[in-house]
């Protein structure tokens, strides 16, 4: 009797695996995702890079900072740090470029480590925005910056890092060197001077926040922000940064000096909602990963618990994001179902 009941149950489960939908019978299937540890290869990255190489023609190199306008629009690089910490590079892998706004996730990490999340976010919001990265947002109404990824919030974040003079900048530079395990990283003095000479909009934000009491001190604090944006990196360095936050602030070689799951969650959440500026909502829909772009042409991507991605192509779309970089990331994500919502 028990055997007959068991046989009936097995038969019933088999039959229910065929469900009628709109009059048509489909067999239920389990889809296996392709995100394994070994399939991302130099060949795959090269194919994706070559497919998107010509997209530089549809964008424009940032020239509102004169030194950035000198970048070769045709330069392109693609890098991945896989789950085992293995580095895969293709394209112009030795090409250096300035980190620009990607430095904001490093300065945020340092400020929160020193003063705690509450003390930092009492002075700014967690909000996304539909405005460009250099928008004054609600500062004109004596309000707080919307988030630490827009320029106003990032300038404030850097001003909150402890230390006099250029000590806050040196902390940011040292952290970039640590995460990438690349002690040769430095900043471009020519880009720094160019940013400083033409950065009147950022200077305006600085003084509005100084006027409302959010910022203490003199313009040296703003100069630290200009310097951090001028740090020179490669696509590989950006992939290592992406990996670092994807693995709870653990370095690609396994170094856990700064391991902090909550801090990594905070950084990645800000990357997700505001890391691509006003394009962040659409980017979340198409790519679905924490990412941070910079007008130097780089994008750093974290695939939580898995890999880090770095891209470089200095030709930008009208949002200020690398055009070819975005499409290379999108192709890789679609190929391996890497998005958080896949």
C-alpha atoms as a PDB file:
ATOM      1  CA  UNK A   1       0.000   0.000   0.000  1.00  0.00           C
ATOM      2  CA  UNK A   2       2.799   2.428   0.918  1.00  0.00           C
ATOM      3  CA  UNK A   3       4.578   1.521  -2.325  1.00  0.00           C
ATOM      4  CA  UNK A   4       1.473   2.294  -4.380  1.00  0.00           C
ATOM      5  CA  UNK A   5       1.091   5.684  -2.674  1.00  0.00           C
ATOM      6  CA  UNK A   6       4.730   6.520  -3.371  1.00  0.00           C
ATOM      7  CA  UNK A   7       4.366   5.532  -7.029  1.00  0.00           C
ATOM      8  CA  UNK A   8       1.237   7.671  -7.341  1.00  0.00           C
ATOM      9  CA  UNK A   9       3.040  10.657  -5.802  1.00  0.00           C
ATOM     10  CA  UNK A  10       6.020  10.349  -8.184  1.00  0.00           C
ATOM     11  CA  UNK A  11       3.676  10.074 -11.161  1.00  0.00           C
ATOM     12  CA  UNK A  12       1.763  13.144  -9.977  1.00  0.00           C
ATOM     13  CA  UNK A  13       4.934  15.200  -9.657  1.00  0.00           C
ATOM     14  CA  UNK A  14       5.986  14.162 -13.144  1.00  0.00           C
ATOM     15  CA  UNK A  15       2.657  15.169 -14.642  1.00  0.00           C
ATOM     16  CA  UNK A  16       2.626  18.538 -12.900  1.00  0.00           C
ATOM     17  CA  UNK A  17       5.945  19.398 -14.563  1.00  0.00           C
ATOM     18  CA  UNK A  18       3.875  20.001 -17.699  1.00  0.00           C
ATOM     19  CA  UNK A  19       1.729  23.047 -17.115  1.00  0.00           C
ATOM     20  CA  UNK A  20      -0.877  24.331 -19.592  1.00  0.00           C
ATOM     21  CA  UNK A  21      -0.302  28.011 -20.343  1.00  0.00           C
ATOM     22  CA  UNK A  22      -2.736  29.670 -22.756  1.00  0.00           C
ATOM     23  CA  UNK A  23      -3.733  26.271 -24.064  1.00  0.00           C
ATOM     24  CA  UNK A  24      -0.134  25.219 -24.813  1.00  0.00           C
ATOM     25  CA  UNK A  25       1.741  22.711 -22.685  1.00  0.00           C
ATOM     26  CA  UNK A  26       5.335  23.575 -21.710  1.00  0.00           C
ATOM     27  CA  UNK A  27       7.804  21.440 -19.785  1.00  0.00           C
ATOM     28  CA  UNK A  28       9.182  23.322 -16.790  1.00  0.00           C
ATOM     29  CA  UNK A  29      12.912  23.782 -17.074  1.00  0.00           C
ATOM     30  CA  UNK A  30      15.646  24.856 -14.698  1.00  0.00           C
ATOM     31  CA  UNK A  31      17.916  27.401 -16.377  1.00  0.00           C
ATOM     32  CA  UNK A  32      21.533  27.117 -15.347  1.00  0.00           C
ATOM     33  CA  UNK A  33      23.317  30.477 -15.255  1.00  0.00           C
ATOM     34  CA  UNK A  34      26.636  30.671 -17.057  1.00  0.00           C
ATOM     35  CA  UNK A  35      28.496  32.676 -14.430  1.00  0.00           C
ATOM     36  CA  UNK A  36      31.280  30.208 -13.699  1.00  0.00           C
ATOM     37  CA  UNK A  37      34.838  30.891 -12.645  1.00  0.00           C
ATOM     38  CA  UNK A  38      36.653  29.865 -15.803  1.00  0.00           C
ATOM     39  CA  UNK A  39      34.718  31.005 -18.848  1.00  0.00           C
ATOM     40  CA  UNK A  40      35.763  34.664 -19.031  1.00  0.00           C
ATOM     41  CA  UNK A  41      38.850  34.605 -21.209  1.00  0.00           C
ATOM     42  CA  UNK A  42      41.123  36.893 -23.197  1.00  0.00           C
ATOM     43  CA  UNK A  43      39.343  35.678 -26.324  1.00  0.00           C
ATOM     44  CA  UNK A  44      35.919  36.717 -25.020  1.00  0.00           C
ATOM     45  CA  UNK A  45      37.133  40.137 -23.862  1.00  0.00           C
ATOM     46  CA  UNK A  46      38.869  40.726 -27.198  1.00  0.00           C
ATOM     47  CA  UNK A  47      35.714  39.859 -29.124  1.00  0.00           C
ATOM     48  CA  UNK A  48      33.662  42.292 -27.032  1.00  0.00           C
ATOM     49  CA  UNK A  49      36.281  45.035 -27.275  1.00  0.00           C
ATOM     50  CA  UNK A  50      36.562  44.756 -31.069  1.00  0.00           C
ATOM     51  CA  UNK A  51      32.790  44.790 -31.439  1.00  0.00           C
ATOM     52  CA  UNK A  52      32.598  48.123 -29.626  1.00  0.00           C
ATOM     53  CA  UNK A  53      35.881  49.747 -30.668  1.00  0.00           C
ATOM     54  CA  UNK A  54      34.315  52.091 -33.234  1.00  0.00           C
ATOM     55  CA  UNK A  55      31.790  53.554 -30.793  1.00  0.00           C
ATOM     56  CA  UNK A  56      34.261  56.318 -29.940  1.00  0.00           C
ATOM     57  CA  UNK A  57      33.021  58.041 -33.106  1.00  0.00           C
ATOM     58  CA  UNK A  58      29.603  58.559 -31.516  1.00  0.00           C
ATOM     59  CA  UNK A  59      30.900  60.294 -28.390  1.00  0.00           C
ATOM     60  CA  UNK A  60      33.163  63.162 -27.405  1.00  0.00           C
ATOM     61  CA  UNK A  61      36.298  63.432 -25.278  1.00  0.00           C
ATOM     62  CA  UNK A  62      35.781  65.740 -22.281  1.00  0.00           C
ATOM     63  CA  UNK A  63      37.351  69.091 -23.129  1.00  0.00           C
ATOM     64  CA  UNK A  64      35.865  71.357 -20.463  1.00  0.00           C
ATOM     65  CA  UNK A  65      39.051  70.443 -18.608  1.00  0.00           C
ATOM     66  CA  UNK A  66      41.634  71.310 -21.318  1.00  0.00           C
ATOM     67  CA  UNK A  67      44.129  68.579 -20.383  1.00  0.00           C
ATOM     68  CA  UNK A  68      41.453  65.864 -20.707  1.00  0.00           C
ATOM     69  CA  UNK A  69      40.722  67.041 -24.224  1.00  0.00           C
ATOM     70  CA  UNK A  70      44.199  65.841 -25.259  1.00  0.00           C
ATOM     71  CA  UNK A  71      43.302  62.160 -24.769  1.00  0.00           C
ATOM     72  CA  UNK A  72      43.307  59.880 -27.824  1.00  0.00           C
ATOM     73  CA  UNK A  73      39.629  59.161 -28.524  1.00  0.00           C
ATOM     74  CA  UNK A  74      40.552  55.829 -30.160  1.00  0.00           C
ATOM     75  CA  UNK A  75      42.260  54.399 -27.062  1.00  0.00           C
ATOM     76  CA  UNK A  76      40.366  51.486 -25.514  1.00  0.00           C
ATOM     77  CA  UNK A  77      41.020  48.856 -22.836  1.00  0.00           C
ATOM     78  CA  UNK A  78      39.061  46.139 -21.043  1.00  0.00           C
ATOM     79  CA  UNK A  79      40.060  44.339 -17.853  1.00  0.00           C
ATOM     80  CA  UNK A  80      38.531  41.718 -15.557  1.00  0.00           C
ATOM     81  CA  UNK A  81      39.698  40.364 -12.201  1.00  0.00           C
ATOM     82  CA  UNK A  82      37.976  36.998 -11.910  1.00  0.00           C
ATOM     83  CA  UNK A  83      36.722  35.259  -8.778  1.00  0.00           C
ATOM     84  CA  UNK A  84      40.146  33.745  -8.123  1.00  0.00           C
ATOM     85  CA  UNK A  85      41.925  37.107  -8.402  1.00  0.00           C
ATOM     86  CA  UNK A  86      43.255  36.322 -11.876  1.00  0.00           C
ATOM     87  CA  UNK A  87      43.708  39.415 -14.082  1.00  0.00           C
ATOM     88  CA  UNK A  88      42.640  39.363 -17.732  1.00  0.00           C
ATOM     89  CA  UNK A  89      43.550  42.405 -19.850  1.00  0.00           C
ATOM     90  CA  UNK A  90      42.965  43.328 -23.497  1.00  0.00           C
ATOM     91  CA  UNK A  91      43.378  46.478 -25.548  1.00  0.00           C
ATOM     92  CA  UNK A  92      45.520  49.458 -24.579  1.00  0.00           C
ATOM     93  CA  UNK A  93      46.294  47.979 -21.187  1.00  0.00           C
ATOM     94  CA  UNK A  94      49.230  50.287 -20.435  1.00  0.00           C
ATOM     95  CA  UNK A  95      47.328  53.466 -21.222  1.00  0.00           C
ATOM     96  CA  UNK A  96      47.099  55.702 -18.165  1.00  0.00           C
ATOM     97  CA  UNK A  97      44.211  58.101 -17.659  1.00  0.00           C
ATOM     98  CA  UNK A  98      42.890  60.118 -14.748  1.00  0.00           C
ATOM     99  CA  UNK A  99      40.520  58.412 -12.346  1.00  0.00           C
ATOM    100  CA  UNK A 100      38.261  61.470 -11.982  1.00  0.00           C
ATOM    101  CA  UNK A 101      34.931  60.678 -10.251  1.00  0.00           C
ATOM    102  CA  UNK A 102      35.800  57.033  -9.608  1.00  0.00           C
ATOM    103  CA  UNK A 103      37.959  58.427  -6.797  1.00  0.00           C
ATOM    104  CA  UNK A 104      34.724  59.373  -5.008  1.00  0.00           C
ATOM    105  CA  UNK A 105      34.153  55.805  -3.823  1.00  0.00           C
ATOM    106  CA  UNK A 106      37.647  55.769  -2.296  1.00  0.00           C
ATOM    107  CA  UNK A 107      37.228  59.094  -0.490  1.00  0.00           C
ATOM    108  CA  UNK A 108      33.815  57.953   0.785  1.00  0.00           C
ATOM    109  CA  UNK A 109      35.345  54.759   2.150  1.00  0.00           C
ATOM    110  CA  UNK A 110      38.036  56.712   4.015  1.00  0.00           C
ATOM    111  CA  UNK A 111      35.651  59.336   5.416  1.00  0.00           C
ATOM    112  CA  UNK A 112      33.190  56.711   6.680  1.00  0.00           C
ATOM    113  CA  UNK A 113      36.014  54.627   8.165  1.00  0.00           C
ATOM    114  CA  UNK A 114      37.218  57.681  10.105  1.00  0.00           C
ATOM    115  CA  UNK A 115      33.949  59.262  11.210  1.00  0.00           C
ATOM    116  CA  UNK A 116      31.224  56.678  10.794  1.00  0.00           C
ATOM    117  CA  UNK A 117      28.390  56.539   8.303  1.00  0.00           C
ATOM    118  CA  UNK A 118      25.968  58.591  10.390  1.00  0.00           C
ATOM    119  CA  UNK A 119      28.347  61.534  10.772  1.00  0.00           C
ATOM    120  CA  UNK A 120      28.938  61.644   7.015  1.00  0.00           C
ATOM    121  CA  UNK A 121      25.344  61.166   5.903  1.00  0.00           C
ATOM    122  CA  UNK A 122      23.992  63.670   8.403  1.00  0.00           C
ATOM    123  CA  UNK A 123      25.548  66.162   5.985  1.00  0.00           C
ATOM    124  CA  UNK A 124      24.354  64.648   2.698  1.00  0.00           C
ATOM    125  CA  UNK A 125      21.713  62.320   1.302  1.00  0.00           C
ATOM    126  CA  UNK A 126      21.486  58.786  -0.056  1.00  0.00           C
ATOM    127  CA  UNK A 127      19.402  60.008  -3.013  1.00  0.00           C
ATOM    128  CA  UNK A 128      19.744  59.435  -6.731  1.00  0.00           C
ATOM    129  CA  UNK A 129      19.253  62.274  -9.188  1.00  0.00           C
ATOM    130  CA  UNK A 130      18.052  63.151 -12.667  1.00  0.00           C
ATOM    131  CA  UNK A 131      20.594  65.983 -12.905  1.00  0.00           C
ATOM    132  CA  UNK A 132      24.193  66.091 -14.250  1.00  0.00           C
ATOM    133  CA  UNK A 133      27.171  65.364 -11.992  1.00  0.00           C
ATOM    134  CA  UNK A 134      28.089  69.050 -11.628  1.00  0.00           C
ATOM    135  CA  UNK A 135      24.567  70.242 -10.794  1.00  0.00           C
ATOM    136  CA  UNK A 136      24.165  72.413  -7.683  1.00  0.00           C
ATOM    137  CA  UNK A 137      21.153  70.247  -6.734  1.00  0.00           C
ATOM    138  CA  UNK A 138      19.449  71.660  -3.648  1.00  0.00           C
ATOM    139  CA  UNK A 139      22.479  73.587  -2.374  1.00  0.00           C
ATOM    140  CA  UNK A 140      20.903  76.867  -3.433  1.00  0.00           C
ATOM    141  CA  UNK A 141      18.207  76.341  -0.802  1.00  0.00           C
ATOM    142  CA  UNK A 142      20.733  75.804   1.986  1.00  0.00           C
ATOM    143  CA  UNK A 143      20.181  72.080   1.640  1.00  0.00           C
ATOM    144  CA  UNK A 144      22.596  69.152   1.687  1.00  0.00           C
ATOM    145  CA  UNK A 145      24.193  67.481  -1.342  1.00  0.00           C
ATOM    146  CA  UNK A 146      21.953  64.750  -2.724  1.00  0.00           C
ATOM    147  CA  UNK A 147      24.622  62.040  -2.530  1.00  0.00           C
ATOM    148  CA  UNK A 148      28.412  61.589  -2.326  1.00  0.00           C
ATOM    149  CA  UNK A 149      28.700  60.649  -6.013  1.00  0.00           C
ATOM    150  CA  UNK A 150      27.737  64.068  -7.397  1.00  0.00           C
ATOM    151  CA  UNK A 151      30.486  66.695  -7.307  1.00  0.00           C
ATOM    152  CA  UNK A 152      28.990  68.681  -4.430  1.00  0.00           C
ATOM    153  CA  UNK A 153      28.735  65.603  -2.212  1.00  0.00           C
ATOM    154  CA  UNK A 154      32.191  64.402  -3.200  1.00  0.00           C
ATOM    155  CA  UNK A 155      33.785  67.786  -2.448  1.00  0.00           C
ATOM    156  CA  UNK A 156      32.120  67.685   0.967  1.00  0.00           C
ATOM    157  CA  UNK A 157      33.223  64.079   1.557  1.00  0.00           C
ATOM    158  CA  UNK A 158      36.875  64.882   0.863  1.00  0.00           C
ATOM    159  CA  UNK A 159      36.683  67.947   3.133  1.00  0.00           C
ATOM    160  CA  UNK A 160      35.553  65.668   5.983  1.00  0.00           C
ATOM    161  CA  UNK A 161      38.634  63.411   5.814  1.00  0.00           C
ATOM    162  CA  UNK A 162      40.876  64.150   8.783  1.00  0.00           C
ATOM    163  CA  UNK A 163      44.200  65.945   8.385  1.00  0.00           C
ATOM    164  CA  UNK A 164      45.629  69.317   7.436  1.00  0.00           C
ATOM    165  CA  UNK A 165      46.870  70.442   4.049  1.00  0.00           C
ATOM    166  CA  UNK A 166      47.125  67.659   1.503  1.00  0.00           C
ATOM    167  CA  UNK A 167      46.996  64.841   4.056  1.00  0.00           C
ATOM    168  CA  UNK A 168      43.415  63.869   3.016  1.00  0.00           C
ATOM    169  CA  UNK A 169      44.554  63.617  -0.610  1.00  0.00           C
ATOM    170  CA  UNK A 170      47.565  61.528   0.398  1.00  0.00           C
ATOM    171  CA  UNK A 171      45.236  59.127   2.237  1.00  0.00           C
ATOM    172  CA  UNK A 172      43.153  58.718  -0.933  1.00  0.00           C
ATOM    173  CA  UNK A 173      46.252  58.173  -3.080  1.00  0.00           C
ATOM    174  CA  UNK A 174      47.674  55.632  -0.613  1.00  0.00           C
ATOM    175  CA  UNK A 175      44.360  53.736  -0.551  1.00  0.00           C
ATOM    176  CA  UNK A 176      44.257  53.552  -4.356  1.00  0.00           C
ATOM    177  CA  UNK A 177      47.830  52.233  -4.293  1.00  0.00           C
ATOM    178  CA  UNK A 178      46.907  49.644  -1.649  1.00  0.00           C
ATOM    179  CA  UNK A 179      43.750  48.380  -3.394  1.00  0.00           C
ATOM    180  CA  UNK A 180      45.532  48.034  -6.737  1.00  0.00           C
ATOM    181  CA  UNK A 181      48.819  46.843  -5.183  1.00  0.00           C
ATOM    182  CA  UNK A 182      50.424  49.391  -7.466  1.00  0.00           C
ATOM    183  CA  UNK A 183      52.752  51.738  -5.517  1.00  0.00           C
ATOM    184  CA  UNK A 184      53.759  53.565  -8.710  1.00  0.00           C
ATOM    185  CA  UNK A 185      50.333  55.237  -9.038  1.00  0.00           C
ATOM    186  CA  UNK A 186      50.514  59.014  -8.765  1.00  0.00           C
ATOM    187  CA  UNK A 187      48.570  62.042  -9.877  1.00  0.00           C
ATOM    188  CA  UNK A 188      48.983  64.129 -13.020  1.00  0.00           C
ATOM    189  CA  UNK A 189      50.168  67.615 -12.092  1.00  0.00           C
ATOM    190  CA  UNK A 190      49.132  68.968 -15.500  1.00  0.00           C
ATOM    191  CA  UNK A 191      45.567  67.638 -15.141  1.00  0.00           C
ATOM    192  CA  UNK A 192      45.433  68.892 -11.551  1.00  0.00           C
ATOM    193  CA  UNK A 193      46.462  72.401 -12.618  1.00  0.00           C
ATOM    194  CA  UNK A 194      43.981  72.289 -15.497  1.00  0.00           C
ATOM    195  CA  UNK A 195      41.175  71.242 -13.148  1.00  0.00           C
ATOM    196  CA  UNK A 196      42.132  73.899 -10.631  1.00  0.00           C
ATOM    197  CA  UNK A 197      42.293  76.635 -13.276  1.00  0.00           C
ATOM    198  CA  UNK A 198      38.923  75.791 -14.836  1.00  0.00           C
ATOM    199  CA  UNK A 199      37.037  74.414 -11.821  1.00  0.00           C
ATOM    200  CA  UNK A 200      34.983  77.488 -11.017  1.00  0.00           C
ATOM    201  CA  UNK A 201      31.712  75.567 -10.871  1.00  0.00           C
ATOM    202  CA  UNK A 202      33.175  73.197  -8.283  1.00  0.00           C
ATOM    203  CA  UNK A 203      34.631  76.226  -6.514  1.00  0.00           C
ATOM    204  CA  UNK A 204      31.147  77.718  -6.381  1.00  0.00           C
ATOM    205  CA  UNK A 205      29.770  74.554  -4.760  1.00  0.00           C
ATOM    206  CA  UNK A 206      32.599  74.624  -2.239  1.00  0.00           C
ATOM    207  CA  UNK A 207      31.789  78.180  -1.162  1.00  0.00           C
ATOM    208  CA  UNK A 208      28.027  77.620  -1.036  1.00  0.00           C
ATOM    209  CA  UNK A 209      28.626  74.724   1.374  1.00  0.00           C
ATOM    210  CA  UNK A 210      31.170  76.764   3.315  1.00  0.00           C
ATOM    211  CA  UNK A 211      28.567  79.546   3.578  1.00  0.00           C
ATOM    212  CA  UNK A 212      25.964  77.128   4.990  1.00  0.00           C
ATOM    213  CA  UNK A 213      28.397  75.636   7.492  1.00  0.00           C
ATOM    214  CA  UNK A 214      28.775  72.205   5.866  1.00  0.00           C
ATOM    215  CA  UNK A 215      32.462  72.843   5.104  1.00  0.00           C
ATOM    216  CA  UNK A 216      35.097  74.290   7.423  1.00  0.00           C
ATOM    217  CA  UNK A 217      38.464  75.510   6.235  1.00  0.00           C
ATOM    218  CA  UNK A 218      40.016  77.087   3.167  1.00  0.00           C
ATOM    219  CA  UNK A 219      40.337  76.230  -0.506  1.00  0.00           C
ATOM    220  CA  UNK A 220      43.121  73.725   0.161  1.00  0.00           C
ATOM    221  CA  UNK A 221      40.293  71.283   0.897  1.00  0.00           C
ATOM    222  CA  UNK A 222      38.940  71.850  -2.607  1.00  0.00           C
ATOM    223  CA  UNK A 223      42.432  71.398  -4.043  1.00  0.00           C
ATOM    224  CA  UNK A 224      42.539  67.934  -2.470  1.00  0.00           C
ATOM    225  CA  UNK A 225      39.415  67.077  -4.463  1.00  0.00           C
ATOM    226  CA  UNK A 226      41.019  68.329  -7.694  1.00  0.00           C
ATOM    227  CA  UNK A 227      44.118  66.246  -6.906  1.00  0.00           C
ATOM    228  CA  UNK A 228      42.198  63.047  -6.197  1.00  0.00           C
ATOM    229  CA  UNK A 229      40.428  63.370  -9.560  1.00  0.00           C
ATOM    230  CA  UNK A 230      43.853  63.697 -11.219  1.00  0.00           C
ATOM    231  CA  UNK A 231      45.187  60.319  -9.994  1.00  0.00           C
ATOM    232  CA  UNK A 232      46.358  58.278 -12.992  1.00  0.00           C
ATOM    233  CA  UNK A 233      45.269  54.651 -13.350  1.00  0.00           C
ATOM    234  CA  UNK A 234      44.774  51.919 -15.964  1.00  0.00           C
ATOM    235  CA  UNK A 235      41.757  49.747 -16.772  1.00  0.00           C
ATOM    236  CA  UNK A 236      43.389  46.980 -14.717  1.00  0.00           C
ATOM    237  CA  UNK A 237      43.538  49.249 -11.679  1.00  0.00           C
ATOM    238  CA  UNK A 238      39.807  49.938 -12.062  1.00  0.00           C
ATOM    239  CA  UNK A 239      39.041  46.211 -12.281  1.00  0.00           C
ATOM    240  CA  UNK A 240      40.953  45.704  -9.027  1.00  0.00           C
ATOM    241  CA  UNK A 241      38.941  48.484  -7.372  1.00  0.00           C
ATOM    242  CA  UNK A 242      35.729  46.867  -8.596  1.00  0.00           C
ATOM    243  CA  UNK A 243      36.856  43.510  -7.206  1.00  0.00           C
ATOM    244  CA  UNK A 244      37.781  45.100  -3.850  1.00  0.00           C
ATOM    245  CA  UNK A 245      34.266  46.359  -3.162  1.00  0.00           C
ATOM    246  CA  UNK A 246      32.660  43.248  -4.666  1.00  0.00           C
ATOM    247  CA  UNK A 247      34.482  41.195  -2.027  1.00  0.00           C
ATOM    248  CA  UNK A 248      33.714  43.184   1.124  1.00  0.00           C
ATOM    249  CA  UNK A 249      36.835  45.353   0.835  1.00  0.00           C
ATOM    250  CA  UNK A 250      39.176  42.412   0.277  1.00  0.00           C
ATOM    251  CA  UNK A 251      42.041  42.921  -2.180  1.00  0.00           C
ATOM    252  CA  UNK A 252      42.345  40.797  -5.310  1.00  0.00           C
ATOM    253  CA  UNK A 253      45.287  38.881  -3.780  1.00  0.00           C
ATOM    254  CA  UNK A 254      43.254  37.987  -0.681  1.00  0.00           C
ATOM    255  CA  UNK A 255      44.558  40.733   1.651  1.00  0.00           C
ATOM    256  CA  UNK A 256      41.777  41.401   4.195  1.00  0.00           C
ATOM    257  CA  UNK A 257      43.316  44.443   5.941  1.00  0.00           C
ATOM    258  CA  UNK A 258      40.241  46.579   5.301  1.00  0.00           C
ATOM    259  CA  UNK A 259      37.594  43.875   5.109  1.00  0.00           C
ATOM    260  CA  UNK A 260      34.241  45.392   6.056  1.00  0.00           C
ATOM    261  CA  UNK A 261      31.009  43.957   4.695  1.00  0.00           C
ATOM    262  CA  UNK A 262      28.834  46.896   5.791  1.00  0.00           C
ATOM    263  CA  UNK A 263      31.134  49.492   4.274  1.00  0.00           C
ATOM    264  CA  UNK A 264      31.296  47.555   1.001  1.00  0.00           C
ATOM    265  CA  UNK A 265      27.495  47.408   0.985  1.00  0.00           C
ATOM    266  CA  UNK A 266      27.277  51.181   1.487  1.00  0.00           C
ATOM    267  CA  UNK A 267      29.757  51.938  -1.305  1.00  0.00           C
ATOM    268  CA  UNK A 268      28.120  49.556  -3.765  1.00  0.00           C
ATOM    269  CA  UNK A 269      24.646  50.889  -2.995  1.00  0.00           C
ATOM    270  CA  UNK A 270      25.822  54.408  -3.820  1.00  0.00           C
ATOM    271  CA  UNK A 271      27.473  53.145  -6.999  1.00  0.00           C
ATOM    272  CA  UNK A 272      24.194  51.487  -7.926  1.00  0.00           C
ATOM    273  CA  UNK A 273      21.895  54.471  -7.443  1.00  0.00           C
ATOM    274  CA  UNK A 274      24.203  57.333  -8.456  1.00  0.00           C
ATOM    275  CA  UNK A 275      27.475  56.009  -9.849  1.00  0.00           C
ATOM    276  CA  UNK A 276      26.510  56.729 -13.460  1.00  0.00           C
ATOM    277  CA  UNK A 277      24.921  60.097 -12.641  1.00  0.00           C
ATOM    278  CA  UNK A 278      21.502  60.764 -14.193  1.00  0.00           C
ATOM    279  CA  UNK A 279      21.940  57.642 -16.341  1.00  0.00           C
ATOM    280  CA  UNK A 280      22.045  55.462 -13.207  1.00  0.00           C
ATOM    281  CA  UNK A 281      18.390  54.385 -13.375  1.00  0.00           C
ATOM    282  CA  UNK A 282      18.579  53.211 -16.975  1.00  0.00           C
ATOM    283  CA  UNK A 283      21.982  51.655 -16.290  1.00  0.00           C
ATOM    284  CA  UNK A 284      20.489  49.689 -13.374  1.00  0.00           C
ATOM    285  CA  UNK A 285      17.849  48.383 -15.780  1.00  0.00           C
ATOM    286  CA  UNK A 286      20.294  47.355 -18.522  1.00  0.00           C
ATOM    287  CA  UNK A 287      23.491  46.389 -16.651  1.00  0.00           C
ATOM    288  CA  UNK A 288      22.192  45.991 -13.104  1.00  0.00           C
ATOM    289  CA  UNK A 289      25.517  46.268 -11.278  1.00  0.00           C
ATOM    290  CA  UNK A 290      27.219  48.744  -8.907  1.00  0.00           C
ATOM    291  CA  UNK A 291      29.410  50.891 -11.173  1.00  0.00           C
ATOM    292  CA  UNK A 292      31.260  54.184 -11.088  1.00  0.00           C
ATOM    293  CA  UNK A 293      32.293  56.222 -14.096  1.00  0.00           C
ATOM    294  CA  UNK A 294      34.709  59.112 -14.539  1.00  0.00           C
ATOM    295  CA  UNK A 295      34.973  61.741 -17.267  1.00  0.00           C
ATOM    296  CA  UNK A 296      38.539  60.550 -17.909  1.00  0.00           C
ATOM    297  CA  UNK A 297      36.911  57.618 -19.725  1.00  0.00           C
ATOM    298  CA  UNK A 298      37.051  54.915 -17.086  1.00  0.00           C
ATOM    299  CA  UNK A 299      34.335  52.771 -15.518  1.00  0.00           C
ATOM    300  CA  UNK A 300      34.828  50.503 -12.489  1.00  0.00           C
ATOM    301  CA  UNK A 301      32.271  47.733 -11.898  1.00  0.00           C
ATOM    302  CA  UNK A 302      31.643  45.414  -8.956  1.00  0.00           C
ATOM    303  CA  UNK A 303      29.870  42.090  -9.461  1.00  0.00           C
ATOM    304  CA  UNK A 304      29.104  41.360  -5.786  1.00  0.00           C
ATOM    305  CA  UNK A 305      30.886  38.275  -4.514  1.00  0.00           C
ATOM    306  CA  UNK A 306      32.331  37.571  -7.950  1.00  0.00           C
ATOM    307  CA  UNK A 307      34.444  39.725 -10.248  1.00  0.00           C
ATOM    308  CA  UNK A 308      35.712  43.246 -10.842  1.00  0.00           C
ATOM    309  CA  UNK A 309      35.538  44.938 -14.240  1.00  0.00           C
ATOM    310  CA  UNK A 310      37.470  47.954 -15.538  1.00  0.00           C
ATOM    311  CA  UNK A 311      37.018  49.675 -18.889  1.00  0.00           C
ATOM    312  CA  UNK A 312      38.602  52.665 -20.590  1.00  0.00           C
ATOM    313  CA  UNK A 313      37.564  54.683 -23.608  1.00  0.00           C
ATOM    314  CA  UNK A 314      37.709  58.488 -23.300  1.00  0.00           C
ATOM    315  CA  UNK A 315      34.916  59.249 -25.766  1.00  0.00           C
ATOM    316  CA  UNK A 316      31.871  60.065 -23.607  1.00  0.00           C
ATOM    317  CA  UNK A 317      28.101  60.146 -24.073  1.00  0.00           C
ATOM    318  CA  UNK A 318      26.144  63.242 -23.063  1.00  0.00           C
ATOM    319  CA  UNK A 319      25.830  61.965 -19.485  1.00  0.00           C
ATOM    320  CA  UNK A 320      29.619  61.982 -19.088  1.00  0.00           C
ATOM    321  CA  UNK A 321      29.995  58.183 -19.204  1.00  0.00           C
ATOM    322  CA  UNK A 322      32.318  56.260 -21.518  1.00  0.00           C
ATOM    323  CA  UNK A 323      30.288  55.146 -24.525  1.00  0.00           C
ATOM    324  CA  UNK A 324      32.356  52.124 -25.561  1.00  0.00           C
ATOM    325  CA  UNK A 325      32.979  51.285 -21.892  1.00  0.00           C
ATOM    326  CA  UNK A 326      29.264  51.066 -21.181  1.00  0.00           C
ATOM    327  CA  UNK A 327      28.618  48.821 -24.170  1.00  0.00           C
ATOM    328  CA  UNK A 328      31.552  46.525 -23.381  1.00  0.00           C
ATOM    329  CA  UNK A 329      30.221  46.089 -19.845  1.00  0.00           C
ATOM    330  CA  UNK A 330      26.696  45.518 -21.139  1.00  0.00           C
ATOM    331  CA  UNK A 331      27.869  42.834 -23.583  1.00  0.00           C
ATOM    332  CA  UNK A 332      29.868  41.016 -20.897  1.00  0.00           C
ATOM    333  CA  UNK A 333      26.975  41.163 -18.429  1.00  0.00           C
ATOM    334  CA  UNK A 334      24.486  39.853 -20.991  1.00  0.00           C
ATOM    335  CA  UNK A 335      26.809  37.087 -22.121  1.00  0.00           C
ATOM    336  CA  UNK A 336      27.328  35.688 -18.619  1.00  0.00           C
ATOM    337  CA  UNK A 337      24.134  36.860 -16.890  1.00  0.00           C
ATOM    338  CA  UNK A 338      26.146  38.836 -14.357  1.00  0.00           C
ATOM    339  CA  UNK A 339      23.518  41.435 -13.491  1.00  0.00           C
ATOM    340  CA  UNK A 340      22.001  41.359 -10.021  1.00  0.00           C
ATOM    341  CA  UNK A 341      18.554  40.976 -11.541  1.00  0.00           C
ATOM    342  CA  UNK A 342      19.424  38.179 -13.995  1.00  0.00           C
END
